Amino acid sequence: MKVLITGITGFVGSHLADFLLSKHNVEVHGIERWRSKTENIEHIKSKLNLHECDIRDSSSVRKVIDEVRPDKIFHLAGQSFVPSSWSAPAETLTTNIIGELNIFEAVKSTLIKPVILIAGSSEEYGMVNKNEIPVKETNPLRPLSPYGVSKVGQDLLAYQYFMSYKMNIVRTRAFNHTGPRRGEVFAESDFAKQIVKIEKGLQEPVINVGNLNAVRDFTDVRDIVRAYCVALEKAKYGEIYNICSGKGYSIREILEILLSFSNIKPKLKVDPKRMRVSDVPMLIGSNSKFKKETQWKPTIPLSNTLGDLLNFWRKRLQ
C-alpha cells in the first residue's frame, strides 16, 4: 500500500510516519518543502520516500500525485499556528485552502481513487457557548481567527469535492494534541522548554506565560495519528468527526502538571505578546460519534504525554 503524507516533516506528520512504518506492507511517501526542517524525521529518513513540493504550487502537487499514485493521502500540511494567522492572514488562507484544492485537483486529473483524510481543527468551532459543551460535530462554526476560518474553508471544500466528484474523503476536527516534538511556539511545549532551561541554569527561574485560564481538550499525538489511520479504515466518506479526549484542562493545569515533574519553583510572569487578539475561552469536544463508528479511544494519560514532552526537551537541550 502506498501512503502519501503532506507535512511529513511536521509534528503530527512525523508521528504518523512512525506509526505507519510499524505496519507491514506500507510504502510511506512524504511531501517536504526545500527549506523544511527535517529533525523530526531524521531517525526514519532512510525508510521514507520524500518528494520536494510546495502544496501551493499546483503543477508540483500534480507531479507528485501522478508519480506516487497513492492509495491513501493524509493531508496534514499547512500553516497551523493560530497567532501567526493574525500577522499573516493571506498566507494562512492561501496555504491551507489553495493547498488542499491543489491536492483535490491533482487527484481528479490523474483519475486515481485514493482515500483522503483532511485534518481539520477544533478552532473551526471558535466561540462556543457554555451550554454547547461538550462540542458535537453539529455545533455552529464561529471561528475567531484567520486560521480557524482557513480550516472551515478546508472542511467545506472537502465536503464539496466529496459531493461533486464522489472522492473518498474523511473530514476530521482534532482538538488540541501534544507530545514529543511539539513545536516550541505552542504553550505546553514552550512551558516545557522553559522549565528545562531553568533546570540547566540557562534561564532565570521565571516562566513567561499567556492566558492560563483558557480550557482545552488535550490528546496525545500518538493517539491522534492512530485515530487518523482508523478513520480511513472505518469512518464514512463525506462525514465529519471530532477527535478528542472529551476532557478539559486549563492551560494553568497543564503548566502545573509539567512542573510536577521538576524540582524548580519558578515565578510566573504574564507576557502581553503571548496573549491572543481574540481567544476561545473553552473548547472541550465530544468524541462519541467517532468512538461509535470506529471503536477508537485515547489510551495515553495526559501526565504521560506531558512527561514525554518534558523529557524530549531535556534531550534536545543537552
C-alpha atoms as a PDB file:
ATOM      1  CA  MET A   1       0.000   0.000   0.000  1.00  0.00           C
ATOM      2  CA  LYS A   2       1.294   3.442  -0.937  1.00  0.00           C
ATOM      3  CA  VAL A   3       0.585   6.205   1.576  1.00  0.00           C
ATOM      4  CA  LEU A   4       1.284   9.893   0.981  1.00  0.00           C
ATOM      5  CA  ILE A   5       1.664  12.281   3.927  1.00  0.00           C
ATOM      6  CA  THR A   6       1.699  16.003   3.261  1.00  0.00           C
ATOM      7  CA  GLY A   7       3.585  17.807   6.015  1.00  0.00           C
ATOM      8  CA  ILE A   8       5.560  14.690   6.902  1.00  0.00           C
ATOM      9  CA  THR A   9       8.373  16.725   8.492  1.00  0.00           C
ATOM     10  CA  GLY A  10       5.964  18.339  10.954  1.00  0.00           C
ATOM     11  CA  PHE A  11       4.923  17.336  14.450  1.00  0.00           C
ATOM     12  CA  VAL A  12       1.923  15.167  13.550  1.00  0.00           C
ATOM     13  CA  GLY A  13       3.300  14.043  10.179  1.00  0.00           C
ATOM     14  CA  SER A  14       6.452  12.594  11.732  1.00  0.00           C
ATOM     15  CA  HIS A  15       4.463  10.661  14.351  1.00  0.00           C
ATOM     16  CA  LEU A  16       2.117   9.373  11.645  1.00  0.00           C
ATOM     17  CA  ALA A  17       5.134   8.178   9.646  1.00  0.00           C
ATOM     18  CA  ASP A  18       6.443   6.399  12.768  1.00  0.00           C
ATOM     19  CA  PHE A  19       3.102   4.643  13.199  1.00  0.00           C
ATOM     20  CA  LEU A  20       2.751   3.613   9.544  1.00  0.00           C
ATOM     21  CA  LEU A  21       6.309   2.282   9.378  1.00  0.00           C
ATOM     22  CA  SER A  22       5.463  -0.037  12.283  1.00  0.00           C
ATOM     23  CA  LYS A  23       2.937  -1.737   9.991  1.00  0.00           C
ATOM     24  CA  HIS A  24       3.724  -4.329   7.346  1.00  0.00           C
ATOM     25  CA  ASN A  25       3.500  -3.748   3.600  1.00  0.00           C
ATOM     26  CA  VAL A  26       3.196   0.057   3.768  1.00  0.00           C
ATOM     27  CA  GLU A  27       5.289   2.263   1.495  1.00  0.00           C
ATOM     28  CA  VAL A  28       5.428   5.727   3.076  1.00  0.00           C
ATOM     29  CA  HIS A  29       5.815   8.781   0.858  1.00  0.00           C
ATOM     30  CA  GLY A  30       6.016  12.323   2.116  1.00  0.00           C
ATOM     31  CA  ILE A  31       5.901  15.854   0.752  1.00  0.00           C
ATOM     32  CA  GLU A  32       8.510  18.284   2.040  1.00  0.00           C
ATOM     33  CA  ARG A  33       9.393  21.831   1.030  1.00  0.00           C
ATOM     34  CA  TRP A  34      13.006  22.530   0.036  1.00  0.00           C
ATOM     35  CA  ARG A  35      13.538  24.579   3.212  1.00  0.00           C
ATOM     36  CA  SER A  36      11.748  22.175   5.564  1.00  0.00           C
ATOM     37  CA  LYS A  37      13.480  21.329   8.819  1.00  0.00           C
ATOM     38  CA  THR A  38      13.838  17.553   8.947  1.00  0.00           C
ATOM     39  CA  GLU A  39      14.939  16.864  12.531  1.00  0.00           C
ATOM     40  CA  ASN A  40      11.559  15.258  13.297  1.00  0.00           C
ATOM     41  CA  ILE A  41      12.167  12.505  10.752  1.00  0.00           C
ATOM     42  CA  GLU A  42      15.956  12.081  10.897  1.00  0.00           C
ATOM     43  CA  HIS A  43      15.550   8.775  12.764  1.00  0.00           C
ATOM     44  CA  ILE A  44      13.417   7.287   9.948  1.00  0.00           C
ATOM     45  CA  LYS A  45      14.531   9.270   6.898  1.00  0.00           C
ATOM     46  CA  SER A  46      16.177   6.273   5.240  1.00  0.00           C
ATOM     47  CA  LYS A  47      12.855   4.416   5.318  1.00  0.00           C
ATOM     48  CA  LEU A  48      10.837   7.205   3.676  1.00  0.00           C
ATOM     49  CA  ASN A  49      10.251   8.246   0.082  1.00  0.00           C
ATOM     50  CA  LEU A  50      10.462  12.054   0.177  1.00  0.00           C
ATOM     51  CA  HIS A  51       9.274  14.385  -2.584  1.00  0.00           C
ATOM     52  CA  GLU A  52      10.137  18.074  -2.736  1.00  0.00           C
ATOM     53  CA  CYS A  53       6.927  20.012  -3.305  1.00  0.00           C
ATOM     54  CA  ASP A  54       5.116  23.181  -2.253  1.00  0.00           C
ATOM     55  CA  ILE A  55       1.408  22.440  -1.907  1.00  0.00           C
ATOM     56  CA  ARG A  56       0.648  25.993  -3.082  1.00  0.00           C
ATOM     57  CA  ASP A  57       2.138  25.098  -6.491  1.00  0.00           C
ATOM     58  CA  SER A  58      -0.478  23.124  -8.411  1.00  0.00           C
ATOM     59  CA  SER A  59       1.928  21.755 -11.029  1.00  0.00           C
ATOM     60  CA  SER A  60       4.371  20.329  -8.456  1.00  0.00           C
ATOM     61  CA  VAL A  61       1.491  18.801  -6.486  1.00  0.00           C
ATOM     62  CA  ARG A  62       0.121  17.185  -9.633  1.00  0.00           C
ATOM     63  CA  LYS A  63       3.581  15.814 -10.470  1.00  0.00           C
ATOM     64  CA  VAL A  64       3.945  14.138  -7.061  1.00  0.00           C
ATOM     65  CA  ILE A  65       0.420  12.697  -7.074  1.00  0.00           C
ATOM     66  CA  ASP A  66       0.919  11.314 -10.585  1.00  0.00           C
ATOM     67  CA  GLU A  67       4.312   9.849  -9.688  1.00  0.00           C
ATOM     68  CA  VAL A  68       3.263   8.209  -6.403  1.00  0.00           C
ATOM     69  CA  ARG A  69      -0.360   7.353  -7.242  1.00  0.00           C
ATOM     70  CA  PRO A  70      -1.116   6.775  -3.555  1.00  0.00           C
ATOM     71  CA  ASP A  71      -3.795   4.507  -2.103  1.00  0.00           C
ATOM     72  CA  LYS A  72      -4.170   6.815   0.905  1.00  0.00           C
ATOM     73  CA  ILE A  73      -3.453  10.507   1.406  1.00  0.00           C
ATOM     74  CA  PHE A  74      -3.132  12.137   4.824  1.00  0.00           C
ATOM     75  CA  HIS A  75      -3.306  15.872   4.249  1.00  0.00           C
ATOM     76  CA  LEU A  76      -1.549  17.452   7.241  1.00  0.00           C
ATOM     77  CA  ALA A  77       0.485  20.239   5.632  1.00  0.00           C
ATOM     78  CA  GLY A  78      -0.439  23.830   6.333  1.00  0.00           C
ATOM     79  CA  GLN A  79       0.026  26.896   8.498  1.00  0.00           C
ATOM     80  CA  SER A  80      -1.022  25.553  11.891  1.00  0.00           C
ATOM     81  CA  PHE A  81      -0.049  28.208  14.437  1.00  0.00           C
ATOM     82  CA  VAL A  82      -3.099  30.306  15.374  1.00  0.00           C
ATOM     83  CA  PRO A  83      -1.273  33.536  16.450  1.00  0.00           C
ATOM     84  CA  SER A  84       0.672  33.634  13.170  1.00  0.00           C
ATOM     85  CA  SER A  85      -2.599  33.724  11.253  1.00  0.00           C
ATOM     86  CA  TRP A  86      -3.280  37.247  12.534  1.00  0.00           C
ATOM     87  CA  SER A  87       0.073  38.549  11.319  1.00  0.00           C
ATOM     88  CA  ALA A  88      -0.080  36.593   8.042  1.00  0.00           C
ATOM     89  CA  PRO A  89      -3.774  36.026   7.259  1.00  0.00           C
ATOM     90  CA  ALA A  90      -3.378  35.903   3.480  1.00  0.00           C
ATOM     91  CA  GLU A  91      -0.578  33.331   3.672  1.00  0.00           C
ATOM     92  CA  THR A  92      -2.625  31.226   6.099  1.00  0.00           C
ATOM     93  CA  LEU A  93      -5.704  31.224   3.863  1.00  0.00           C
ATOM     94  CA  THR A  94      -3.697  30.573   0.700  1.00  0.00           C
ATOM     95  CA  THR A  95      -1.570  27.777   2.123  1.00  0.00           C
ATOM     96  CA  ASN A  96      -4.420  25.948   3.820  1.00  0.00           C
ATOM     97  CA  ILE A  97      -7.263  26.334   1.322  1.00  0.00           C
ATOM     98  CA  ILE A  98      -5.460  26.551  -2.029  1.00  0.00           C
ATOM     99  CA  GLY A  99      -3.019  23.840  -0.926  1.00  0.00           C
ATOM    100  CA  GLU A 100      -5.909  21.459  -0.329  1.00  0.00           C
ATOM    101  CA  LEU A 101      -7.572  22.483  -3.585  1.00  0.00           C
ATOM    102  CA  ASN A 102      -4.380  21.612  -5.476  1.00  0.00           C
ATOM    103  CA  ILE A 103      -4.395  18.117  -3.960  1.00  0.00           C
ATOM    104  CA  PHE A 104      -8.015  17.504  -4.906  1.00  0.00           C
ATOM    105  CA  GLU A 105      -7.465  18.770  -8.462  1.00  0.00           C
ATOM    106  CA  ALA A 106      -4.358  16.611  -8.843  1.00  0.00           C
ATOM    107  CA  VAL A 107      -6.263  13.531  -7.688  1.00  0.00           C
ATOM    108  CA  LYS A 108      -9.088  14.364 -10.080  1.00  0.00           C
ATOM    109  CA  SER A 109      -6.800  14.879 -13.062  1.00  0.00           C
ATOM    110  CA  THR A 110      -4.863  11.643 -12.515  1.00  0.00           C
ATOM    111  CA  LEU A 111      -8.079   9.591 -12.301  1.00  0.00           C
ATOM    112  CA  ILE A 112      -6.993   7.721  -9.173  1.00  0.00           C
ATOM    113  CA  LYS A 113      -9.326   6.954  -6.238  1.00  0.00           C
ATOM    114  CA  PRO A 114      -7.322   7.243  -3.023  1.00  0.00           C
ATOM    115  CA  VAL A 115      -8.875   7.527   0.415  1.00  0.00           C
ATOM    116  CA  ILE A 116      -8.121  11.035   1.691  1.00  0.00           C
ATOM    117  CA  LEU A 117      -8.026  12.326   5.266  1.00  0.00           C
ATOM    118  CA  ILE A 118      -8.454  16.058   5.794  1.00  0.00           C
ATOM    119  CA  ALA A 119      -7.075  17.170   9.151  1.00  0.00           C
ATOM    120  CA  GLY A 120      -9.402  19.892  10.354  1.00  0.00           C
ATOM    121  CA  SER A 121      -9.342  21.620  13.722  1.00  0.00           C
ATOM    122  CA  SER A 122     -11.437  22.401  16.783  1.00  0.00           C
ATOM    123  CA  GLU A 123     -10.601  26.051  16.023  1.00  0.00           C
ATOM    124  CA  GLU A 124     -13.363  25.834  13.418  1.00  0.00           C
ATOM    125  CA  TYR A 125     -15.904  25.956  16.262  1.00  0.00           C
ATOM    126  CA  GLY A 126     -14.419  29.162  17.679  1.00  0.00           C
ATOM    127  CA  MET A 127     -16.776  30.885  20.087  1.00  0.00           C
ATOM    128  CA  VAL A 128     -18.549  28.062  21.905  1.00  0.00           C
ATOM    129  CA  ASN A 129     -21.318  28.767  24.417  1.00  0.00           C
ATOM    130  CA  LYS A 130     -21.251  27.050  27.805  1.00  0.00           C
ATOM    131  CA  ASN A 131     -24.455  25.159  27.024  1.00  0.00           C
ATOM    132  CA  GLU A 132     -22.755  23.684  23.917  1.00  0.00           C
ATOM    133  CA  ILE A 133     -20.055  21.847  25.878  1.00  0.00           C
ATOM    134  CA  PRO A 134     -19.042  19.159  25.012  1.00  0.00           C
ATOM    135  CA  VAL A 135     -18.941  20.287  21.400  1.00  0.00           C
ATOM    136  CA  LYS A 136     -20.542  17.961  18.866  1.00  0.00           C
ATOM    137  CA  GLU A 137     -19.973  17.912  15.118  1.00  0.00           C
ATOM    138  CA  THR A 138     -23.350  19.598  14.581  1.00  0.00           C
ATOM    139  CA  ASN A 139     -22.325  22.696  16.568  1.00  0.00           C
ATOM    140  CA  PRO A 140     -22.331  26.035  14.681  1.00  0.00           C
ATOM    141  CA  LEU A 141     -18.938  27.147  13.372  1.00  0.00           C
ATOM    142  CA  ARG A 142     -17.918  30.568  14.723  1.00  0.00           C
ATOM    143  CA  PRO A 143     -14.151  30.782  14.066  1.00  0.00           C
ATOM    144  CA  LEU A 144     -12.262  33.527  15.898  1.00  0.00           C
ATOM    145  CA  SER A 145      -9.015  33.580  13.912  1.00  0.00           C
ATOM    146  CA  PRO A 146      -7.912  33.594  10.273  1.00  0.00           C
ATOM    147  CA  TYR A 147      -6.561  30.111  10.977  1.00  0.00           C
ATOM    148  CA  GLY A 148      -9.993  28.945  12.124  1.00  0.00           C
ATOM    149  CA  VAL A 149     -11.554  30.447   9.006  1.00  0.00           C
ATOM    150  CA  SER A 150      -8.980  28.668   6.816  1.00  0.00           C
ATOM    151  CA  LYS A 151      -9.827  25.308   8.410  1.00  0.00           C
ATOM    152  CA  VAL A 152     -13.561  25.916   7.861  1.00  0.00           C
ATOM    153  CA  GLY A 153     -12.682  26.596   4.222  1.00  0.00           C
ATOM    154  CA  GLN A 154     -10.772  23.321   4.007  1.00  0.00           C
ATOM    155  CA  ASP A 155     -13.622  21.475   5.700  1.00  0.00           C
ATOM    156  CA  LEU A 156     -16.301  22.760   3.303  1.00  0.00           C
ATOM    157  CA  LEU A 157     -14.075  22.349   0.249  1.00  0.00           C
ATOM    158  CA  ALA A 158     -13.599  18.697   1.189  1.00  0.00           C
ATOM    159  CA  TYR A 159     -17.351  18.250   1.524  1.00  0.00           C
ATOM    160  CA  GLN A 160     -17.908  19.887  -1.866  1.00  0.00           C
ATOM    161  CA  TYR A 161     -15.388  17.588  -3.618  1.00  0.00           C
ATOM    162  CA  PHE A 162     -16.949  14.564  -1.937  1.00  0.00           C
ATOM    163  CA  MET A 163     -20.395  15.585  -3.154  1.00  0.00           C
ATOM    164  CA  SER A 164     -19.379  16.818  -6.611  1.00  0.00           C
ATOM    165  CA  TYR A 165     -16.797  14.210  -7.587  1.00  0.00           C
ATOM    166  CA  LYS A 166     -17.524  11.312  -5.183  1.00  0.00           C
ATOM    167  CA  MET A 167     -13.999  11.462  -3.784  1.00  0.00           C
ATOM    168  CA  ASN A 168     -13.267   9.159  -0.848  1.00  0.00           C
ATOM    169  CA  ILE A 169     -12.752  11.913   1.729  1.00  0.00           C
ATOM    170  CA  VAL A 170     -12.980  11.732   5.529  1.00  0.00           C
ATOM    171  CA  ARG A 171     -13.057  15.045   7.413  1.00  0.00           C
ATOM    172  CA  THR A 172     -11.770  15.263  10.968  1.00  0.00           C
ATOM    173  CA  ARG A 173     -11.672  18.025  13.577  1.00  0.00           C
ATOM    174  CA  ALA A 174      -8.895  17.255  16.018  1.00  0.00           C
ATOM    175  CA  PHE A 175      -8.842  19.130  19.290  1.00  0.00           C
ATOM    176  CA  ASN A 176      -5.536  20.051  20.954  1.00  0.00           C
ATOM    177  CA  HIS A 177      -2.874  17.369  20.710  1.00  0.00           C
ATOM    178  CA  THR A 178       0.640  17.330  22.059  1.00  0.00           C
ATOM    179  CA  GLY A 179       3.636  15.171  22.905  1.00  0.00           C
ATOM    180  CA  PRO A 180       7.311  14.814  21.966  1.00  0.00           C
ATOM    181  CA  ARG A 181       8.425  17.057  19.044  1.00  0.00           C
ATOM    182  CA  ARG A 182       5.650  19.585  19.659  1.00  0.00           C
ATOM    183  CA  GLY A 183       6.751  22.955  18.268  1.00  0.00           C
ATOM    184  CA  GLU A 184       8.009  25.392  20.870  1.00  0.00           C
ATOM    185  CA  VAL A 185       5.582  28.087  19.677  1.00  0.00           C
ATOM    186  CA  PHE A 186       2.762  26.141  21.326  1.00  0.00           C
ATOM    187  CA  ALA A 187       2.093  26.888  25.005  1.00  0.00           C
ATOM    188  CA  GLU A 188       2.696  23.500  26.622  1.00  0.00           C
ATOM    189  CA  SER A 189       5.884  22.871  24.639  1.00  0.00           C
ATOM    190  CA  ASP A 190       7.130  26.378  25.372  1.00  0.00           C
ATOM    191  CA  PHE A 191       6.486  25.786  29.086  1.00  0.00           C
ATOM    192  CA  ALA A 192       8.415  22.501  28.928  1.00  0.00           C
ATOM    193  CA  LYS A 193      11.345  24.174  27.199  1.00  0.00           C
ATOM    194  CA  GLN A 194      11.422  26.998  29.745  1.00  0.00           C
ATOM    195  CA  ILE A 195      11.350  24.504  32.634  1.00  0.00           C
ATOM    196  CA  VAL A 196      14.313  22.619  31.180  1.00  0.00           C
ATOM    197  CA  LYS A 197      16.263  25.846  30.579  1.00  0.00           C
ATOM    198  CA  ILE A 198      15.691  26.797  34.225  1.00  0.00           C
ATOM    199  CA  GLU A 199      16.800  23.321  35.335  1.00  0.00           C
ATOM    200  CA  LYS A 200      20.022  23.731  33.372  1.00  0.00           C
ATOM    201  CA  GLY A 201      20.677  27.275  34.586  1.00  0.00           C
ATOM    202  CA  LEU A 202      20.070  28.745  31.125  1.00  0.00           C
ATOM    203  CA  GLN A 203      17.151  30.923  32.250  1.00  0.00           C
ATOM    204  CA  GLU A 204      16.178  32.822  35.377  1.00  0.00           C
ATOM    205  CA  PRO A 205      13.565  30.945  37.495  1.00  0.00           C
ATOM    206  CA  VAL A 206      10.732  32.833  35.826  1.00  0.00           C
ATOM    207  CA  ILE A 207       8.286  31.262  33.338  1.00  0.00           C
ATOM    208  CA  ASN A 208       6.694  33.609  30.823  1.00  0.00           C
ATOM    209  CA  VAL A 209       3.029  32.814  30.237  1.00  0.00           C
ATOM    210  CA  GLY A 210      -0.007  33.993  28.291  1.00  0.00           C
ATOM    211  CA  ASN A 211      -3.651  33.279  29.081  1.00  0.00           C
ATOM    212  CA  LEU A 212      -3.637  30.498  31.677  1.00  0.00           C
ATOM    213  CA  ASN A 213      -7.409  30.417  32.060  1.00  0.00           C
ATOM    214  CA  ALA A 214      -8.253  29.032  28.604  1.00  0.00           C
ATOM    215  CA  VAL A 215      -9.555  25.451  28.793  1.00  0.00           C
ATOM    216  CA  ARG A 216      -8.613  22.938  26.122  1.00  0.00           C
ATOM    217  CA  ASP A 217      -9.213  19.276  25.330  1.00  0.00           C
ATOM    218  CA  PHE A 218      -5.798  17.567  25.048  1.00  0.00           C
ATOM    219  CA  THR A 219      -4.983  14.219  23.414  1.00  0.00           C
ATOM    220  CA  ASP A 220      -1.604  12.548  22.909  1.00  0.00           C
ATOM    221  CA  VAL A 221      -0.369  12.942  19.324  1.00  0.00           C
ATOM    222  CA  ARG A 222       0.276   9.189  19.167  1.00  0.00           C
ATOM    223  CA  ASP A 223      -3.408   8.562  19.877  1.00  0.00           C
ATOM    224  CA  ILE A 224      -4.318  11.173  17.250  1.00  0.00           C
ATOM    225  CA  VAL A 225      -2.324   9.542  14.419  1.00  0.00           C
ATOM    226  CA  ARG A 226      -3.814   6.180  15.332  1.00  0.00           C
ATOM    227  CA  ALA A 227      -7.239   7.811  15.041  1.00  0.00           C
ATOM    228  CA  TYR A 228      -6.366   9.196  11.609  1.00  0.00           C
ATOM    229  CA  CYS A 229      -5.457   5.722  10.389  1.00  0.00           C
ATOM    230  CA  VAL A 230      -8.603   4.171  11.870  1.00  0.00           C
ATOM    231  CA  ALA A 231     -10.663   6.952  10.255  1.00  0.00           C
ATOM    232  CA  LEU A 232      -9.595   5.903   6.763  1.00  0.00           C
ATOM    233  CA  GLU A 233     -10.447   2.282   7.534  1.00  0.00           C
ATOM    234  CA  LYS A 234     -13.800   2.607   9.313  1.00  0.00           C
ATOM    235  CA  ALA A 235     -15.263   6.124   9.030  1.00  0.00           C
ATOM    236  CA  LYS A 236     -17.820   7.160   6.410  1.00  0.00           C
ATOM    237  CA  TYR A 237     -16.762   9.206   3.414  1.00  0.00           C
ATOM    238  CA  GLY A 238     -18.013  12.772   3.469  1.00  0.00           C
ATOM    239  CA  GLU A 239     -18.672  12.728   7.205  1.00  0.00           C
ATOM    240  CA  ILE A 240     -17.077  14.963   9.844  1.00  0.00           C
ATOM    241  CA  TYR A 241     -15.612  13.589  13.078  1.00  0.00           C
ATOM    242  CA  ASN A 242     -14.294  15.154  16.261  1.00  0.00           C
ATOM    243  CA  ILE A 243     -11.117  13.519  17.523  1.00  0.00           C
ATOM    244  CA  CYS A 244     -10.518  14.386  21.150  1.00  0.00           C
ATOM    245  CA  SER A 245     -10.341  13.090  24.703  1.00  0.00           C
ATOM    246  CA  GLY A 246     -13.568  14.674  25.934  1.00  0.00           C
ATOM    247  CA  LYS A 247     -11.748  16.108  28.969  1.00  0.00           C
ATOM    248  CA  GLY A 248     -10.883  19.753  29.573  1.00  0.00           C
ATOM    249  CA  TYR A 249      -7.770  21.164  31.231  1.00  0.00           C
ATOM    250  CA  SER A 250      -6.918  24.811  31.796  1.00  0.00           C
ATOM    251  CA  ILE A 251      -3.543  25.940  30.489  1.00  0.00           C
ATOM    252  CA  ARG A 252      -2.642  26.612  34.137  1.00  0.00           C
ATOM    253  CA  GLU A 253      -3.301  22.936  34.950  1.00  0.00           C
ATOM    254  CA  ILE A 254      -1.080  21.890  32.047  1.00  0.00           C
ATOM    255  CA  LEU A 255       1.739  24.035  33.437  1.00  0.00           C
ATOM    256  CA  GLU A 256       1.210  22.602  36.930  1.00  0.00           C
ATOM    257  CA  ILE A 257       1.454  19.021  35.622  1.00  0.00           C
ATOM    258  CA  LEU A 258       4.710  19.865  33.823  1.00  0.00           C
ATOM    259  CA  LEU A 259       6.114  21.497  36.963  1.00  0.00           C
ATOM    260  CA  SER A 260       5.223  18.399  38.988  1.00  0.00           C
ATOM    261  CA  PHE A 261       7.949  16.534  37.059  1.00  0.00           C
ATOM    262  CA  SER A 262      10.611  19.079  38.069  1.00  0.00           C
ATOM    263  CA  ASN A 263      12.156  20.331  41.304  1.00  0.00           C
ATOM    264  CA  ILE A 264      12.176  24.005  40.278  1.00  0.00           C
ATOM    265  CA  LYS A 265       9.929  26.599  41.953  1.00  0.00           C
ATOM    266  CA  PRO A 266       9.673  29.396  39.380  1.00  0.00           C
ATOM    267  CA  LYS A 267       7.660  32.604  39.399  1.00  0.00           C
ATOM    268  CA  LEU A 268       5.119  33.197  36.629  1.00  0.00           C
ATOM    269  CA  LYS A 269       5.228  36.340  34.520  1.00  0.00           C
ATOM    270  CA  VAL A 270       2.454  37.323  32.089  1.00  0.00           C
ATOM    271  CA  ASP A 271       3.896  38.323  28.717  1.00  0.00           C
ATOM    272  CA  PRO A 272       1.470  40.563  26.736  1.00  0.00           C
ATOM    273  CA  LYS A 273       2.980  39.244  23.487  1.00  0.00           C
ATOM    274  CA  ARG A 274       1.633  35.802  24.348  1.00  0.00           C
ATOM    275  CA  MET A 275      -1.970  36.992  24.563  1.00  0.00           C
ATOM    276  CA  ARG A 276      -4.184  36.385  21.504  1.00  0.00           C
ATOM    277  CA  VAL A 277      -6.202  39.095  19.770  1.00  0.00           C
ATOM    278  CA  SER A 278      -9.305  37.021  20.465  1.00  0.00           C
ATOM    279  CA  ASP A 279      -9.224  33.753  22.348  1.00  0.00           C
ATOM    280  CA  VAL A 280     -11.659  30.875  22.705  1.00  0.00           C
ATOM    281  CA  PRO A 281     -12.336  30.527  26.469  1.00  0.00           C
ATOM    282  CA  MET A 282     -13.245  26.834  26.404  1.00  0.00           C
ATOM    283  CA  LEU A 283     -13.027  24.007  23.869  1.00  0.00           C
ATOM    284  CA  ILE A 284     -13.985  20.528  25.029  1.00  0.00           C
ATOM    285  CA  GLY A 285     -15.173  18.071  22.422  1.00  0.00           C
ATOM    286  CA  SER A 286     -17.450  15.065  22.219  1.00  0.00           C
ATOM    287  CA  ASN A 287     -15.821  12.044  20.570  1.00  0.00           C
ATOM    288  CA  SER A 288     -18.949   9.870  20.840  1.00  0.00           C
ATOM    289  CA  LYS A 289     -19.628   9.788  17.084  1.00  0.00           C
ATOM    290  CA  PHE A 290     -16.078   8.749  16.184  1.00  0.00           C
ATOM    291  CA  LYS A 291     -15.866   6.190  19.001  1.00  0.00           C
ATOM    292  CA  LYS A 292     -19.189   4.644  17.985  1.00  0.00           C
ATOM    293  CA  GLU A 293     -18.240   4.224  14.327  1.00  0.00           C
ATOM    294  CA  THR A 294     -14.582   3.197  14.741  1.00  0.00           C
ATOM    295  CA  GLN A 295     -14.215   1.886  18.336  1.00  0.00           C
ATOM    296  CA  TRP A 296     -11.205   4.217  18.747  1.00  0.00           C
ATOM    297  CA  LYS A 297     -10.471   5.742  22.126  1.00  0.00           C
ATOM    298  CA  PRO A 298      -7.479   7.605  23.572  1.00  0.00           C
ATOM    299  CA  THR A 299      -5.197   5.369  25.633  1.00  0.00           C
ATOM    300  CA  ILE A 300      -2.266   7.552  26.786  1.00  0.00           C
ATOM    301  CA  PRO A 301      -2.811   9.541  30.026  1.00  0.00           C
ATOM    302  CA  LEU A 302      -2.090  13.272  29.792  1.00  0.00           C
ATOM    303  CA  SER A 303       0.504  13.019  32.576  1.00  0.00           C
ATOM    304  CA  ASN A 304       2.482  10.520  30.451  1.00  0.00           C
ATOM    305  CA  THR A 305       2.173  12.780  27.420  1.00  0.00           C
ATOM    306  CA  LEU A 306       3.486  15.848  29.250  1.00  0.00           C
ATOM    307  CA  GLY A 307       6.231  13.822  30.931  1.00  0.00           C
ATOM    308  CA  ASP A 308       7.388  12.627  27.495  1.00  0.00           C
ATOM    309  CA  LEU A 309       7.277  16.203  26.194  1.00  0.00           C
ATOM    310  CA  LEU A 310       9.447  17.418  29.075  1.00  0.00           C
ATOM    311  CA  ASN A 311      11.956  14.603  28.516  1.00  0.00           C
ATOM    312  CA  PHE A 312      12.023  15.463  24.816  1.00  0.00           C
ATOM    313  CA  TRP A 313      13.239  18.968  25.700  1.00  0.00           C
ATOM    314  CA  ARG A 314      15.725  17.593  28.233  1.00  0.00           C
ATOM    315  CA  LYS A 315      17.336  15.580  25.438  1.00  0.00           C
ATOM    316  CA  ARG A 316      17.050  18.412  22.889  1.00  0.00           C
ATOM    317  CA  LEU A 317      18.789  20.923  25.172  1.00  0.00           C
ATOM    318  CA  GLN A 318      21.689  18.693  26.243  1.00  0.00           C
END
